[in-house]
Each structure stands twice: as C-alpha cells, then as structure tokens.
C-alpha atoms as a PDB file:
ATOM      1  CA  MET A   1     -15.021 -24.424 -17.097  1.00  0.00           C
ATOM      2  CA  ILE A   2     -17.935 -25.509 -14.834  1.00  0.00           C
ATOM      3  CA  ARG A   3     -20.920 -23.228 -15.823  1.00  0.00           C
ATOM      4  CA  ASP A   4     -23.507 -24.695 -13.331  1.00  0.00           C
ATOM      5  CA  SER A   5     -22.545 -24.937  -9.726  1.00  0.00           C
ATOM      6  CA  ASN A   6     -25.125 -27.806  -9.336  1.00  0.00           C
ATOM      7  CA  SER A   7     -22.783 -30.124 -11.438  1.00  0.00           C
ATOM      8  CA  GLY A   8     -19.602 -29.581  -9.447  1.00  0.00           C
ATOM      9  CA  LYS A   9     -16.840 -27.080  -8.740  1.00  0.00           C
ATOM     10  CA  LEU A  10     -13.472 -26.723 -10.493  1.00  0.00           C
ATOM     11  CA  ALA A  11     -10.400 -25.766  -8.408  1.00  0.00           C
ATOM     12  CA  PHE A  12      -6.818 -24.850  -9.415  1.00  0.00           C
ATOM     13  CA  ILE A  13      -3.800 -26.131  -7.610  1.00  0.00           C
ATOM     14  CA  MET A  14      -0.323 -24.732  -8.426  1.00  0.00           C
ATOM     15  CA  ASN A  15       2.606 -26.831  -7.359  1.00  0.00           C
ATOM     16  CA  GLY A  16       5.627 -26.424  -9.644  1.00  0.00           C
ATOM     17  CA  THR A  17       8.513 -24.239 -10.575  1.00  0.00           C
ATOM     18  CA  ALA A  18       6.977 -22.686 -13.763  1.00  0.00           C
ATOM     19  CA  SER A  19       4.422 -19.952 -14.257  1.00  0.00           C
ATOM     20  CA  GLN A  20       0.951 -20.450 -15.445  1.00  0.00           C
ATOM     21  CA  SER A  21      -1.475 -17.712 -16.716  1.00  0.00           C
ATOM     22  CA  LEU A  22      -5.221 -17.865 -17.430  1.00  0.00           C
ATOM     23  CA  THR A  23      -6.050 -14.880 -19.624  1.00  0.00           C
ATOM     24  CA  SER A  24      -9.694 -15.600 -20.299  1.00  0.00           C
ATOM     25  CA  ASP A  25     -12.279 -13.177 -18.986  1.00  0.00           C
ATOM     26  CA  TYR A  26     -14.742 -16.101 -18.639  1.00  0.00           C
ATOM     27  CA  LEU A  27     -13.282 -17.873 -15.639  1.00  0.00           C
ATOM     28  CA  GLN A  28     -16.325 -19.411 -13.883  1.00  0.00           C
ATOM     29  CA  PHE A  29     -14.590 -21.810 -11.547  1.00  0.00           C
ATOM     30  CA  GLN A  30     -15.841 -21.914  -8.010  1.00  0.00           C
ATOM     31  CA  GLY A  31     -13.676 -24.434  -6.157  1.00  0.00           C
ATOM     32  CA  GLY A  32     -10.887 -22.049  -5.228  1.00  0.00           C
ATOM     33  CA  VAL A  33      -7.175 -21.551  -5.855  1.00  0.00           C
ATOM     34  CA  LYS A  34      -4.390 -23.218  -3.880  1.00  0.00           C
ATOM     35  CA  ILE A  35      -0.758 -22.083  -4.395  1.00  0.00           C
ATOM     36  CA  LEU A  36       1.926 -24.458  -3.096  1.00  0.00           C
ATOM     37  CA  ASN A  37       4.855 -23.375  -5.330  1.00  0.00           C
ATOM     38  CA  GLY A  38       5.373 -21.586  -8.635  1.00  0.00           C
ATOM     39  CA  THR A  39       3.391 -18.624 -10.041  1.00  0.00           C
ATOM     40  CA  PHE A  40      -0.316 -18.706 -11.015  1.00  0.00           C
ATOM     41  CA  ARG A  41      -1.879 -15.695 -12.667  1.00  0.00           C
ATOM     42  CA  VAL A  42      -5.395 -14.953 -13.764  1.00  0.00           C
ATOM     43  CA  ASN A  43      -7.250 -12.208 -15.539  1.00  0.00           C
ATOM     44  CA  PHE A  44      -8.817 -10.126 -12.751  1.00  0.00           C
ATOM     45  CA  ASN A  45     -11.150  -8.418 -15.276  1.00  0.00           C
ATOM     46  CA  GLN A  46     -13.896 -10.922 -15.531  1.00  0.00           C
ATOM     47  CA  ARG A  47     -17.020 -10.051 -17.560  1.00  0.00           C
ATOM     48  CA  ASP A  48     -19.747  -9.108 -15.138  1.00  0.00           C
ATOM     49  CA  SER A  49     -22.364  -9.869 -17.773  1.00  0.00           C
ATOM     50  CA  TYR A  50     -21.380 -13.470 -17.730  1.00  0.00           C
ATOM     51  CA  TYR A  51     -22.113 -13.624 -14.014  1.00  0.00           C
ATOM     52  CA  TYR A  52     -25.534 -11.974 -14.219  1.00  0.00           C
ATOM     53  CA  TRP A  53     -28.093 -14.757 -14.023  1.00  0.00           C
ATOM     54  CA  ARG A  54     -30.258 -12.754 -16.536  1.00  0.00           C
ATOM     55  CA  GLY A  55     -27.287 -11.697 -18.607  1.00  0.00           C
ATOM     56  CA  SER A  56     -27.401 -14.339 -21.254  1.00  0.00           C
ATOM     57  CA  ASP A  57     -29.684 -17.283 -22.011  1.00  0.00           C
ATOM     58  CA  ALA A  58     -26.528 -19.438 -22.615  1.00  0.00           C
ATOM     59  CA  VAL A  59     -25.128 -18.887 -19.122  1.00  0.00           C
ATOM     60  CA  THR A  60     -26.382 -20.992 -16.228  1.00  0.00           C
ATOM     61  CA  VAL A  61     -24.084 -19.805 -13.443  1.00  0.00           C
ATOM     62  CA  ARG A  62     -25.990 -20.078 -10.061  1.00  0.00           C
ATOM     63  CA  PHE A  63     -23.773 -17.900  -7.909  1.00  0.00           C
ATOM     64  CA  VAL A  64     -24.610 -14.186  -8.040  1.00  0.00           C
ATOM     65  CA  THR A  65     -24.470 -11.172  -5.787  1.00  0.00           C
ATOM     66  CA  GLU A  66     -27.077  -8.585  -5.105  1.00  0.00           C
ATOM     67  CA  ASP A  67     -26.719  -4.802  -5.187  1.00  0.00           C
ATOM     68  CA  GLY A  68     -29.801  -2.887  -4.034  1.00  0.00           C
ATOM     69  CA  GLY A  69     -32.031  -5.856  -4.521  1.00  0.00           C
ATOM     70  CA  SER A  70     -32.043  -5.641  -8.346  1.00  0.00           C
ATOM     71  CA  THR A  71     -28.480  -5.698  -9.794  1.00  0.00           C
ATOM     72  CA  PHE A  72     -26.606  -9.017  -9.639  1.00  0.00           C
ATOM     73  CA  THR A  73     -22.769  -9.148  -9.916  1.00  0.00           C
ATOM     74  CA  THR A  74     -20.057 -11.765  -9.705  1.00  0.00           C
ATOM     75  CA  PHE A  75     -20.050 -14.990  -7.766  1.00  0.00           C
ATOM     76  CA  SER A  76     -17.159 -16.241  -5.576  1.00  0.00           C
ATOM     77  CA  HIS A  77     -14.351 -18.261  -7.032  1.00  0.00           C
ATOM     78  CA  GLY A  78     -13.934 -20.106  -3.654  1.00  0.00           C
ATOM     79  CA  ASP A  79     -11.042 -19.697  -1.227  1.00  0.00           C
ATOM     80  CA  LEU A  80      -7.551 -18.514  -2.011  1.00  0.00           C
ATOM     81  CA  GLU A  81      -5.051 -20.692  -0.084  1.00  0.00           C
ATOM     82  CA  MET A  82      -1.397 -19.519  -0.114  1.00  0.00           C
ATOM     83  CA  SER A  83       1.241 -21.912   1.128  1.00  0.00           C
ATOM     84  CA  GLY A  84       4.061 -20.533  -1.072  1.00  0.00           C
ATOM     85  CA  GLY A  85       4.727 -19.343  -4.575  1.00  0.00           C
ATOM     86  CA  ALA A  86       2.901 -16.422  -6.050  1.00  0.00           C
ATOM     87  CA  PHE A  87      -0.647 -15.607  -7.151  1.00  0.00           C
ATOM     88  CA  GLY A  88      -1.779 -12.485  -9.008  1.00  0.00           C
ATOM     89  CA  SER A  89      -3.207 -10.758 -12.014  1.00  0.00           C
ATOM     90  CA  THR A  90      -1.983 -11.413 -15.438  1.00  0.00           C
ATOM     91  CA  ALA A  91       1.107  -9.154 -16.059  1.00  0.00           C
ATOM     92  CA  ASP A  92       0.558  -8.135 -19.649  1.00  0.00           C
ATOM     93  CA  SER A  93      -3.264  -7.399 -19.556  1.00  0.00           C
ATOM     94  CA  SER A  94      -4.428  -3.903 -20.253  1.00  0.00           C
ATOM     95  CA  SER A  95      -7.627  -4.413 -18.212  1.00  0.00           C
ATOM     96  CA  TYR A  96      -8.103  -4.435 -14.465  1.00  0.00           C
ATOM     97  CA  GLY A  97     -10.648  -5.694 -12.001  1.00  0.00           C
ATOM     98  CA  ALA A  98     -11.568  -6.990  -8.555  1.00  0.00           C
ATOM     99  CA  PHE A  99     -11.375 -10.782  -8.366  1.00  0.00           C
ATOM    100  CA  ARG A 100     -13.782 -12.414  -5.904  1.00  0.00           C
ATOM    101  CA  PHE A 101     -12.810 -15.108  -3.370  1.00  0.00           C
ATOM    102  CA  THR A 102     -14.665 -16.101  -0.243  1.00  0.00           C
ATOM    103  CA  ASN A 103     -11.699 -16.394   2.177  1.00  0.00           C
ATOM    104  CA  ILE A 104      -7.928 -16.046   2.088  1.00  0.00           C
ATOM    105  CA  ALA A 105      -5.962 -18.638   4.107  1.00  0.00           C
ATOM    106  CA  TYR A 106      -2.342 -17.568   4.261  1.00  0.00           C
ATOM    107  CA  THR A 107       0.784 -19.356   5.269  1.00  0.00           C
ATOM    108  CA  ALA A 108       3.418 -18.076   2.885  1.00  0.00           C
ATOM    109  CA  GLY A 109       3.879 -16.705  -0.625  1.00  0.00           C
ATOM    110  CA  THR A 110       3.343 -13.449  -2.594  1.00  0.00           C
ATOM    111  CA  ILE A 111       0.243 -11.827  -3.953  1.00  0.00           C
ATOM    112  CA  ASN A 112       0.933  -9.781  -7.076  1.00  0.00           C
ATOM    113  CA  LEU A 113      -1.372  -6.879  -7.877  1.00  0.00           C
ATOM    114  CA  ARG A 114      -1.041  -4.119 -10.496  1.00  0.00           C
ATOM    115  CA  LEU A 115      -1.546  -0.527  -9.210  1.00  0.00           C
ATOM    116  CA  ALA A 116      -1.241   1.634 -12.359  1.00  0.00           C
ATOM    117  CA  GLY A 117      -3.784   4.193 -11.179  1.00  0.00           C
ATOM    118  CA  ALA A 118      -7.152   4.727  -9.431  1.00  0.00           C
ATOM    119  CA  SER A 119      -9.066   3.384 -12.341  1.00  0.00           C
ATOM    120  CA  GLN A 120      -6.265   0.992 -13.395  1.00  0.00           C
ATOM    121  CA  MET A 121      -5.701  -1.308 -10.525  1.00  0.00           C
ATOM    122  CA  ASP A 122      -6.385  -4.874  -9.449  1.00  0.00           C
ATOM    123  CA  SER A 123      -7.827  -5.860  -6.064  1.00  0.00           C
ATOM    124  CA  ILE A 124      -9.382  -8.825  -4.243  1.00  0.00           C
ATOM    125  CA  ASP A 125     -13.051  -8.911  -3.156  1.00  0.00           C
ATOM    126  CA  LEU A 126     -14.126 -10.997  -0.106  1.00  0.00           C
ATOM    127  CA  THR A 127     -17.601  -9.525   0.298  1.00  0.00           C
ATOM    128  CA  THR A 128     -21.036 -11.103   0.621  1.00  0.00           C
ATOM    129  CA  TYR A 129     -22.645 -12.791  -2.370  1.00  0.00           C
ATOM    130  CA  TYR A 130     -25.955 -14.617  -3.013  1.00  0.00           C
ATOM    131  CA  ASN A 131     -26.583 -18.142  -4.169  1.00  0.00           C
ATOM    132  CA  ARG A 132     -29.401 -18.435  -6.680  1.00  0.00           C
ATOM    133  CA  VAL A 133     -31.565 -21.460  -5.825  1.00  0.00           C
ATOM    134  CA  ALA A 134     -34.065 -22.662  -8.346  1.00  0.00           C
ATOM    135  CA  ASP A 135     -36.887 -25.004  -7.340  1.00  0.00           C
ATOM    136  CA  ASN A 136     -38.745 -26.851 -10.193  1.00  0.00           C
ATOM    137  CA  THR A 137     -40.518 -29.410  -8.065  1.00  0.00           C
ATOM    138  CA  ARG A 138     -43.963 -27.764  -8.714  1.00  0.00           C
ATOM    139  CA  GLY A 139     -43.527 -27.634 -12.431  1.00  0.00           C
ATOM    140  CA  THR A 140     -42.586 -23.933 -12.597  1.00  0.00           C
ATOM    141  CA  GLU A 141     -39.265 -22.444 -11.574  1.00  0.00           C
ATOM    142  CA  SER A 142     -39.284 -20.717  -8.199  1.00  0.00           C
ATOM    143  CA  VAL A 143     -36.118 -18.693  -7.588  1.00  0.00           C
ATOM    144  CA  THR A 144     -34.837 -17.549  -4.198  1.00  0.00           C
ATOM    145  CA  TYR A 145     -31.501 -16.065  -3.098  1.00  0.00           C
ATOM    146  CA  GLU A 146     -29.531 -17.461  -0.240  1.00  0.00           C
ATOM    147  CA  LYS A 147     -27.253 -14.942   1.264  1.00  0.00           C
ATOM    148  CA  VAL A 148     -23.575 -16.219   1.609  1.00  0.00           C
ATOM    149  CA  GLU A 149     -21.681 -14.133   4.060  1.00  0.00           C
ATOM    150  CA  GLY A 150     -18.423 -12.690   2.919  1.00  0.00           C
ATOM    151  CA  GLY A 151     -15.218 -14.175   4.135  1.00  0.00           C
ATOM    152  CA  LYS A 152     -12.030 -13.011   5.885  1.00  0.00           C
ATOM    153  CA  ILE A 153      -8.288 -13.325   5.992  1.00  0.00           C
ATOM    154  CA  SER A 154      -6.805 -16.063   8.245  1.00  0.00           C
ATOM    155  CA  PHE A 155      -3.180 -16.822   9.060  1.00  0.00           C
ATOM    156  CA  ALA A 156      -1.912 -20.407   9.688  1.00  0.00           C
ATOM    157  CA  GLU A 157       0.116 -21.020  12.813  1.00  0.00           C
ATOM    158  CA  GLY A 158       3.708 -19.836  12.295  1.00  0.00           C
ATOM    159  CA  ALA A 159       2.734 -17.848   9.128  1.00  0.00           C
ATOM    160  CA  GLY A 160       4.694 -14.843   8.183  1.00  0.00           C
ATOM    161  CA  LYS A 161       3.336 -11.493   7.056  1.00  0.00           C
ATOM    162  CA  MET A 162       1.043 -11.655   4.077  1.00  0.00           C
ATOM    163  CA  THR A 163       3.379 -10.330   1.307  1.00  0.00           C
ATOM    164  CA  PHE A 164       2.344  -8.247  -1.697  1.00  0.00           C
ATOM    165  CA  GLN A 165       4.184  -7.270  -4.925  1.00  0.00           C
ATOM    166  CA  PHE A 166       2.616  -4.098  -6.186  1.00  0.00           C
ATOM    167  CA  ASP A 167       3.525  -3.484  -9.826  1.00  0.00           C
ATOM    168  CA  GLY A 168       3.391  -0.273 -11.866  1.00  0.00           C
ATOM    169  CA  ASP A 169       4.151   3.375 -11.396  1.00  0.00           C
ATOM    170  CA  LEU A 170       3.182   3.789  -7.717  1.00  0.00           C
ATOM    171  CA  THR A 171       3.698   7.566  -7.592  1.00  0.00           C
ATOM    172  CA  TRP A 172      -0.048   8.070  -7.321  1.00  0.00           C
ATOM    173  CA  VAL A 173      -0.155   6.306  -3.950  1.00  0.00           C
ATOM    174  CA  ILE A 174       2.784   8.138  -2.429  1.00  0.00           C
ATOM    175  CA  ASP A 175       2.113  10.144   0.704  1.00  0.00           C
ATOM    176  CA  ASN A 176       4.913  12.557   1.351  1.00  0.00           C
ATOM    177  CA  GLY A 177       3.449  13.773   4.605  1.00  0.00           C
ATOM    178  CA  THR A 178       2.464  17.231   3.390  1.00  0.00           C
ATOM    179  CA  GLY A 179      -1.193  16.732   4.064  1.00  0.00           C
ATOM    180  CA  ALA A 180      -2.085  16.881   0.425  1.00  0.00           C
ATOM    181  CA  PHE A 181      -2.573  13.161  -0.048  1.00  0.00           C
ATOM    182  CA  ASP A 182      -6.339  12.538  -0.037  1.00  0.00           C
ATOM    183  CA  LEU A 183      -6.806   9.164  -1.851  1.00  0.00           C
ATOM    184  CA  ASN A 184      -9.680   7.488   0.114  1.00  0.00           C
ATOM    185  CA  ASP A 185      -9.297  10.028   2.900  1.00  0.00           C
ATOM    186  CA  GLY A 186      -5.571   9.500   3.056  1.00  0.00           C
ATOM    187  CA  LYS A 187      -5.730   5.769   3.502  1.00  0.00           C
ATOM    188  CA  GLY A 188      -4.510   5.038  -0.025  1.00  0.00           C
ATOM    189  CA  ALA A 189      -5.632   2.408  -2.467  1.00  0.00           C
ATOM    190  CA  LYS A 190      -8.005  -0.337  -1.350  1.00  0.00           C
ATOM    191  CA  VAL A 191      -6.415  -3.682  -2.309  1.00  0.00           C
ATOM    192  CA  ILE A 192      -8.697  -6.110  -0.499  1.00  0.00           C
ATOM    193  CA  THR A 193     -12.377  -5.481   0.206  1.00  0.00           C
ATOM    194  CA  TRP A 194     -14.342  -7.229   2.981  1.00  0.00           C
ATOM    195  CA  ASP A 195     -17.656  -6.829   4.735  1.00  0.00           C
ATOM    196  CA  ASN A 196     -17.855  -4.500   7.618  1.00  0.00           C
ATOM    197  CA  GLU A 197     -15.543  -5.493  10.548  1.00  0.00           C
ATOM    198  CA  LYS A 198     -14.382  -8.722   8.875  1.00  0.00           C
ATOM    199  CA  GLY A 199     -10.862  -7.431   9.423  1.00  0.00           C
ATOM    200  CA  SER A 200     -11.364  -6.649  13.150  1.00  0.00           C
ATOM    201  CA  ASP A 201      -8.747  -9.281  14.199  1.00  0.00           C
ATOM    202  CA  LEU A 202      -6.052  -7.966  11.745  1.00  0.00           C
ATOM    203  CA  SER A 203      -3.479  -5.248  12.130  1.00  0.00           C
ATOM    204  CA  LYS A 204      -1.263  -3.404   9.601  1.00  0.00           C
ATOM    205  CA  ASP A 205       1.660  -5.363  10.886  1.00  0.00           C
ATOM    206  CA  ASN A 206       0.184  -8.510   9.389  1.00  0.00           C
ATOM    207  CA  PHE A 207       1.108  -7.228   5.914  1.00  0.00           C
ATOM    208  CA  ALA A 208       4.283  -6.395   3.959  1.00  0.00           C
ATOM    209  CA  ALA A 209       5.089  -5.291   0.400  1.00  0.00           C
ATOM    210  CA  ASN A 210       7.892  -4.348  -1.958  1.00  0.00           C
ATOM    211  CA  LEU A 211       9.778  -1.028  -1.838  1.00  0.00           C
ATOM    212  CA  PHE A 212       9.219   1.475  -4.652  1.00  0.00           C
ATOM    213  CA  GLU A 213      11.948   3.722  -6.169  1.00  0.00           C
ATOM    214  CA  SER A 214      10.787   6.817  -8.067  1.00  0.00           C
ATOM    215  CA  SER A 215      12.356   8.096 -11.238  1.00  0.00           C
ATOM    216  CA  ASP A 216      14.187  10.588  -9.024  1.00  0.00           C
ATOM    217  CA  GLY A 217      15.824   7.814  -7.019  1.00  0.00           C
ATOM    218  CA  ASP A 218      13.704   8.383  -3.904  1.00  0.00           C
ATOM    219  CA  LYS A 219      12.714   5.245  -2.113  1.00  0.00           C
ATOM    220  CA  TYR A 220       9.322   4.519  -0.587  1.00  0.00           C
ATOM    221  CA  GLN A 221       7.887   1.834   1.597  1.00  0.00           C
ATOM    222  CA  ALA A 222       4.407   0.406   1.934  1.00  0.00           C
ATOM    223  CA  GLU A 223       2.180   1.463   4.830  1.00  0.00           C
ATOM    224  CA  PHE A 224      -0.942  -0.523   5.275  1.00  0.00           C
ATOM    225  CA  SER A 225      -4.249   0.510   6.975  1.00  0.00           C
ATOM    226  CA  VAL A 226      -6.755  -2.094   8.203  1.00  0.00           C
ATOM    227  CA  GLU A 227     -10.308  -0.506   8.026  1.00  0.00           C
ATOM    228  CA  ASP A 228     -13.823  -1.757   8.564  1.00  0.00           C
ATOM    229  CA  ASP A 229     -14.386  -2.148   4.872  1.00  0.00           C
ATOM    230  CA  GLY A 230     -10.957  -3.472   3.668  1.00  0.00           C
ATOM    231  CA  LEU A 231      -7.221  -3.296   3.454  1.00  0.00           C
ATOM    232  CA  TYR A 232      -5.608  -0.116   2.133  1.00  0.00           C
ATOM    233  CA  VAL A 233      -2.070   0.686   1.144  1.00  0.00           C
ATOM    234  CA  LYS A 234      -0.046   3.812   0.483  1.00  0.00           C
ATOM    235  CA  TYR A 235       3.650   4.460   0.099  1.00  0.00           C
ATOM    236  CA  VAL A 236       5.636   6.741   2.430  1.00  0.00           C
ATOM    237  CA  PRO A 237       9.320   7.904   2.310  1.00  0.00           C
ATOM    238  CA  VAL A 238      11.821   5.376   3.624  1.00  0.00           C
ATOM    239  CA  PRO A 239      13.429   6.948   6.781  1.00  0.00           C
ATOM    240  CA  GLU A 240      16.957   8.273   6.192  1.00  0.00           C
ATOM    241  CA  SER A 241      19.769   6.631   8.060  1.00  0.00           C
ATOM    242  CA  ALA A 242      20.161   9.778  10.294  1.00  0.00           C
ATOM    243  CA  GLN A 243      16.439   9.562  11.145  1.00  0.00           C
ATOM    244  CA  ILE A 244      16.659   5.925  12.047  1.00  0.00           C
ATOM    245  CA  ALA A 245      19.678   6.616  14.233  1.00  0.00           C
ATOM    246  CA  ALA A 246      17.820   9.458  15.977  1.00  0.00           C
ATOM    247  CA  ILE A 247      14.864   7.190  16.701  1.00  0.00           C
ATOM    248  CA  ILE A 248      17.063   4.469  18.091  1.00  0.00           C
ATOM    249  CA  GLY A 249      18.827   7.019  20.188  1.00  0.00           C
ATOM    250  CA  THR A 250      15.567   8.356  21.546  1.00  0.00           C
ATOM    251  CA  LEU A 251      14.382   4.839  22.386  1.00  0.00           C
ATOM    252  CA  ALA A 252      17.682   4.037  24.102  1.00  0.00           C
ATOM    253  CA  LEU A 253      17.444   7.187  26.187  1.00  0.00           C
ATOM    254  CA  ALA A 254      13.941   6.497  27.237  1.00  0.00           C
ATOM    255  CA  LEU A 255      14.902   2.919  28.204  1.00  0.00           C
ATOM    256  CA  ALA A 256      17.825   4.276  30.340  1.00  0.00           C
ATOM    257  CA  VAL A 257      15.459   6.658  32.134  1.00  0.00           C
ATOM    258  CA  ILE A 258      13.099   3.821  32.861  1.00  0.00           C
ATOM    259  CA  ARG A 259      15.867   1.680  34.255  1.00  0.00           C
ATOM    260  CA  ARG A 260      17.107   4.501  36.481  1.00  0.00           C
ATOM    261  CA  LYS A 261      13.630   5.006  37.894  1.00  0.00           C
ATOM    262  CA  LYS A 262      13.348   1.250  38.647  1.00  0.00           C
ATOM    263  CA  SER A 263      16.799   1.182  40.363  1.00  0.00           C
ATOM    264  CA  ALA A 264      16.033   4.319  42.521  1.00  0.00           C
END
C-alpha cells in the first residue's frame, strides 16, 4: 500500500466475474475504487490510529481530517465510481465502520452495506478532510493543513437508481407507523454522510434497496430520506394488494373528476 501521498496514489479497478475481498484494516490507498463488473469488498473498519499523523512514528500518511482543531481522523480513499458489479464491506467481518471516499459517481451497480444494529453497521463518509502539508525548505518542518471540501453523489446520464443491498437483521430499522420509531428522529440509519447541503440536488427517488422479510413472514421495503447531513434509510411495511388497489382506484377517480371539469 502507498503510505505517503507524496509518492503516488494507488487505485483499485474491478472488472471481472469473480469476487475480491481486502480484509486488512490498514488500507491506505488514496486513488479511488472503480467497479465495472464483479464484486469488490473491503474492510470498512480501518484503524483510525494508522491515519493519525501523530499516531505512529512508522506511519507517514499525509491525508488527515480535523475534529475541533486537535483530533485527526481518516483521510479519503479517493472517489468511488460505480459502473456495474457490486462494492461493499467484507461479508464475514465482525467489525464495522465508516469508509471514507471523496465522491461517488454512479451509473449502475450495487452497494452492499451491513446493518446489524445501531453500533454494528457500515456506512460511507463523504465529509471534509484536511491535507497535511509539510514544508522543509527552511531546514525545519513547518506543517499546515489544507482543507479539502467533502464530496457529493453524482449520477451519469441515463443512470438508474443507486441500488443498495442491506444485509443483516433489519428489524431495528423497521418503522411500523405507530409513532414509536425514533431512530435519528424517525429518519432511520444514516448510510452515507456528507457535508451540510451536499445532497441538495438529490431526492429519495434516486435510491433503491432490497426488500426485507421478517421471521414472521412480514415484508418491508426501504424508504430513504435525503437530509442536510446525509442519506438515511428505514424499512416500512410493503402495502397489501388491497391497499394498492384502493390507491389506484382513488387516483383513477381523481383523474376522472379532472377530465370532467376540463370537458365542462
């Protein structure tokens, strides 16, 4: 892996029919991930200490983030470009985390995330980070931090909905409409984090996900919410056939009324 961003950037391109997994918690690549075909999985739980510029004398990673002006966390792994296939967290890992990219450019494909619980879930982080710049021209090291604005999600022309596969027991993100569901003020689990208003040109209709069937045989569908700080998801009951028929009937009746008014 590239440990110093001054010497180059490593990127991963997946274009095949097989599945590849990187289980290391020391993935310091910064050149991005491009999925054309096949399945590419990484360990989302990267060691924060390896990304702290003060964390270890052996580590020379130059991309860090700042929290409150004193705590430095992970750098960006570059852009995630999805043209097909699947990208996600390693399926058999018992650890979870937020994997940082700068942008997501989407055309097609599936993003796999594990949602086993509020403290056992994977997500993607697109927020601001800081580039550590060291100047040694005067004989002593002078360090400054360049702010790198967080990225956003973009869709290629003709792209379909960004599709997720959420794995695990999703009962904890089910909203049955009783008013008792209060996870993140009823929005559900945050699966992508971005800087304030970076999702302003997105809508919930840009996203889709797998159905979930409970142990009782009840079926639920994903309902997304685009907020200032990220993308949230919860699961709601799939409408029964009778409900769907009633909705269609109501719409048809309303359309007939409109037509009569126009012809009058």
